[in-house]
Amino acid sequence: MQDYLHFLRVEKNISHNVARRYLEFVKTIIYPAVRTGAIKVDPFRELKFKAKPVVREFLSQDVAGVLKNGNIILFDFRYLKKYQYIS
C-alpha cells in the first residue's frame, strides 16, 4: 500500500488528503476479504491515515472583480513547465 500511496502522490501528483481518501476507499473494498480470510495478511495493518490541515485563502477584491466581469485570460502553464520555469 505504501507503493500505491507513493504512486498517487508522485506519479499522479495528487495531494495527501485526496490520496488518503483513495486509500480509505480501497480499504473498504479489501477489508471484507481480510475478515473472511480470502486475503491472509491485512495490507493496511501498519498504515495510518491522517489528514493534513488545508489552508484556504479567499479571493482578493481585484480577482473577484475580474471573475465577475468575465475578463479572464487563460494561460497554459504546461508550456512554462516544459521549459523548467515552473517546477
Foldseek 3Di string as FASTA:
>chain_A
DVVQLCCCCPVVVDDLVVSLVVVVVVCVVCVVCCVVCVDPDRPCPPPDRDDDDDDDDDDDPVVVVCVVVVVDDDDDCVVVVVVVPDD
